[in-house]
Structure formats: structure tokens, C-alpha cells
Protein backbone atom coordinates (compact mmCIF):
# COMPACT_ATOMS: atom_id res chain seq x y z
CA MET A 1 37.43 1.60 -20.46
CA ASN A 2 38.24 0.99 -17.63
CA LEU A 3 38.00 -2.64 -16.04
CA SER A 4 38.99 -1.64 -12.79
CA ALA A 5 36.98 1.08 -12.11
CA ASP A 6 33.67 -0.71 -13.08
CA TRP A 7 34.73 -3.75 -11.08
CA SER A 8 35.14 -1.52 -8.29
CA ASP A 9 31.36 -0.03 -9.29
CA LEU A 10 29.51 -2.91 -9.43
CA LEU A 11 31.93 -3.24 -5.89
CA ARG A 12 29.75 -0.59 -4.39
CA VAL A 13 26.45 -1.58 -5.87
CA VAL A 14 26.98 -4.48 -4.54
CA VAL A 15 28.18 -4.17 -0.98
CA VAL A 16 25.45 -0.57 -0.57
CA GLY A 17 23.55 -2.88 -2.27
CA SER A 18 22.96 -4.74 0.96
CA CYS A 19 23.43 -3.15 3.13
CA ALA A 20 21.05 -0.52 2.61
CA TYR A 21 18.40 -3.51 1.73
CA LEU A 22 19.53 -4.96 5.37
CA ALA A 23 18.71 -1.62 6.58
CA LEU A 24 15.32 -1.34 4.65
CA VAL A 25 14.55 -4.87 6.48
CA VAL A 26 15.49 -4.29 9.73
CA LEU A 27 13.90 -0.60 9.77
CA LEU A 28 10.55 -2.46 8.31
CA ARG A 29 10.39 -4.96 10.97
CA GLY A 30 11.18 -1.71 13.62
CA TYR A 31 8.48 -0.14 12.51
CA GLY A 32 6.13 -2.97 12.68
CA LYS A 33 2.82 -4.13 10.87
CA ARG A 34 1.14 -1.24 9.26
CA THR A 35 4.46 -0.50 7.31
CA LEU A 36 4.50 -3.68 5.71
CA SER A 37 -0.09 -4.07 5.63
CA LYS A 38 -2.94 -3.87 3.02
CA ILE A 39 -2.03 -0.62 1.22
CA ASN A 40 -3.78 2.31 1.25
CA ALA A 41 -3.35 5.35 -1.26
CA PHE A 42 -0.65 7.35 1.93
CA ASP A 43 0.52 3.82 2.15
CA PHE A 44 1.72 3.43 -1.98
CA VAL A 45 3.43 6.45 -2.14
CA VAL A 46 5.35 6.01 1.33
CA THR A 47 5.81 2.60 -0.82
CA ILE A 48 7.45 3.94 -4.02
CA ALA A 49 9.68 6.77 -2.12
CA LEU A 50 11.16 3.26 -0.17
CA GLY A 51 11.58 2.43 -3.37
CA SER A 52 13.27 5.28 -4.52
CA ILE A 53 15.46 6.02 -2.20
CA LEU A 54 16.06 2.27 -2.19
CA ALA A 55 17.69 2.56 -5.79
CA THR A 56 19.25 6.31 -5.35
CA ILE A 57 21.21 4.62 -2.94
CA LEU A 58 22.27 1.31 -5.30
CA LEU A 59 23.32 3.57 -8.38
CA SER A 60 24.14 7.11 -7.15
CA LYS A 61 27.46 7.96 -5.63
CA SER A 62 26.88 11.31 -5.15
CA VAL A 63 24.85 9.93 -2.25
CA SER A 64 25.72 8.09 0.60
CA LEU A 65 24.85 4.80 2.81
CA LEU A 66 24.52 6.59 5.52
CA GLU A 67 21.92 9.84 3.77
CA GLY A 68 19.84 7.38 1.68
CA VAL A 69 19.23 5.37 5.39
CA THR A 70 18.89 9.03 6.99
CA ALA A 71 16.03 9.66 4.07
CA LEU A 72 15.02 6.16 4.88
CA VAL A 73 14.62 6.86 8.20
CA VAL A 74 13.21 10.04 7.91
CA LEU A 75 10.14 8.85 5.14
CA MET A 76 9.34 5.80 7.23
CA SER A 77 8.87 8.01 10.40
CA TRP A 78 6.79 10.69 8.73
CA GLN A 79 4.38 7.26 8.10
CA PHE A 80 4.56 5.98 11.49
CA ALA A 81 3.13 9.93 12.89
CA PHE A 82 0.40 9.81 10.61
CA SER A 83 -0.53 6.01 10.91
CA TRP A 84 -0.06 6.81 14.86
CA LEU A 85 -1.88 10.02 14.08
CA ALA A 86 -4.44 8.44 12.28
CA ALA A 87 -5.26 5.58 15.03
CA ARG A 88 -6.13 7.93 16.98
CA SER A 89 -7.72 10.54 15.23
CA SER A 90 -10.79 10.33 13.32
CA ARG A 91 -9.71 13.87 10.94
CA VAL A 92 -6.07 12.80 10.44
CA ARG A 93 -7.92 9.58 9.30
CA LYS A 94 -10.37 11.56 6.51
CA ILE A 95 -7.49 12.65 5.57
CA ILE A 96 -5.15 9.61 5.17
CA ALA A 97 -7.29 7.41 4.05
CA SER A 98 -10.35 7.34 1.94
CA GLU A 99 -13.80 6.42 3.28
CA PRO A 100 -15.75 2.23 2.73
CA ARG A 101 -17.63 3.17 -0.56
CA LEU A 102 -20.76 1.21 -1.27
CA LEU A 103 -20.75 -0.41 -4.39
CA ALA A 104 -23.94 -2.76 -4.50
CA HIS A 105 -26.78 -2.99 -2.09
CA ASP A 106 -29.76 -5.68 -1.55
CA GLY A 107 -28.56 -7.55 -5.13
CA GLU A 108 -28.90 -3.66 -7.04
CA LEU A 109 -25.27 -2.10 -8.52
CA LEU A 110 -24.92 1.31 -7.55
CA THR A 111 -23.82 2.76 -10.53
CA SER A 112 -22.59 6.31 -9.49
CA ALA A 113 -20.90 4.32 -7.35
CA LEU A 114 -19.47 2.27 -10.19
CA ARG A 115 -18.99 5.72 -11.95
CA ASP A 116 -16.84 7.30 -9.55
CA GLU A 117 -15.08 4.77 -8.24
CA ARG A 118 -14.16 3.16 -11.42
CA ILE A 119 -14.76 0.00 -11.35
CA ALA A 120 -16.35 -2.40 -13.34
CA ALA A 121 -19.47 -4.09 -12.88
CA ASP A 122 -17.55 -6.79 -13.95
CA GLU A 123 -15.10 -6.58 -10.93
CA VAL A 124 -17.49 -6.62 -8.61
CA MET A 125 -19.22 -9.65 -10.26
CA GLN A 126 -15.68 -11.40 -9.67
CA ALA A 127 -15.38 -10.51 -6.27
CA LEU A 128 -18.62 -11.82 -5.72
CA ARG A 129 -17.60 -15.40 -6.81
CA ASN A 130 -14.68 -15.44 -5.21
CA HIS A 131 -16.45 -15.36 -2.25
CA GLY A 132 -18.58 -17.81 -2.89
CA PHE A 133 -21.41 -16.37 -4.87
CA GLN A 134 -23.00 -16.58 -8.15
CA ARG A 135 -25.52 -13.96 -8.31
CA LEU A 136 -26.07 -10.95 -7.26
CA HIS A 137 -28.81 -10.66 -5.06
CA GLU A 138 -27.02 -13.82 -3.02
CA VAL A 139 -25.37 -10.69 -0.87
CA ARG A 140 -26.75 -8.57 1.43
CA CYS A 141 -23.85 -5.50 -0.38
CA VAL A 142 -20.38 -4.47 -1.63
CA VAL A 143 -18.19 -2.70 -0.38
CA LEU A 144 -15.14 -0.73 -1.98
CA GLU A 145 -12.81 -0.23 1.44
CA PRO A 146 -10.52 2.25 1.73
CA ASP A 147 -7.65 -0.36 0.85
CA GLY A 148 -8.71 -1.48 -3.08
CA THR A 149 -10.08 -4.65 -1.84
CA LEU A 150 -13.92 -5.75 -2.17
CA SER A 151 -16.02 -6.34 0.81
CA VAL A 152 -18.94 -9.13 -0.03
CA ILE A 153 -21.61 -9.72 2.83
CA GLY A 154 -23.83 -12.06 2.28
CA ARG A 155 -27.38 -11.72 2.96
CA ASP A 156 -27.23 -15.02 5.24
CA THR A 157 -24.91 -12.84 6.88
CA PRO A 158 -26.07 -11.46 10.23
CA ALA A 159 -25.77 -7.73 10.54
CA ALA A 160 -22.75 -6.26 12.88
């Protein structure tokens, strides 16, 4: 076992990892809050890919810091471009993000919607309790939002 090679490998991970981490933080700040917001499926994929790139930069000697940061910039630029387009085009938005889905309406669970979205009735009831309701008949509707959260609209809430 060559300790000098091992120490140099560790030093490389510390230096390159620190630089890659700082580059990622700067890029995330530069690309805006959308990159860090509650995520839809598209954003989730980007987040996983960013983590994979960061791990590769840290642990692979065959990938230089500049190559890794370039990969981060490319990925985040695509994410920025798609989110920019989605904010301006309903067609792009439909491709990238799912539509909200009604799960309960006027005190009744919509069982086919629950089944399609793979949501258990217990999860809906938990969302009710989290929003201060005890029973399903107390709410107008429960909506599964594109980011995976459950919105609960009470009967006393004015319709938009």
C-alpha cells in the first residue's frame, strides 16, 4: 500500500470536491430559485443527475474539475431553458410537468384517481389533518399538485 498515493488521492478529493461544491452552489444561485423549488418529475431527474455529476467529479480521476463543472453548466442550462420555455408555453409545460389531479370532491374520495395516482386513502386523510380538518366532508376538495403535495380546500374557502 502506497501511503503517498493514498494521501494525494485524498487531497485531490478534498480540493476538487471543495471546488466542485462551490461551483455547484454558485451555479444554483445563478440559475435562480426555480432550480431549488419544490420539484416535479423533470426537476427530480435534474437533481439526481447533478448529484451523479458531483460524485463523478469527486471520485473519478479521469474527469477533470473543468469537465465536471462544464457538465454541471450544460445540465443546469438545459433545466433553465426548459423551465423558461415552460413558463411561456403551455405545450412545453404539459410535456415537463403533470397536471393537478382531483382526489376528493365534496366529501367523496375519487377512488379511480387515487388508484391511478397510487395514493392511499390514508395519505389523503393525513393531508386533511395536516390542514386542520378531521373529516372528509369538511373539505370541498383535495388536489394532488404537480410537485406531489396534497392541497386541501375547505368548504369555507371562497372559490377562485
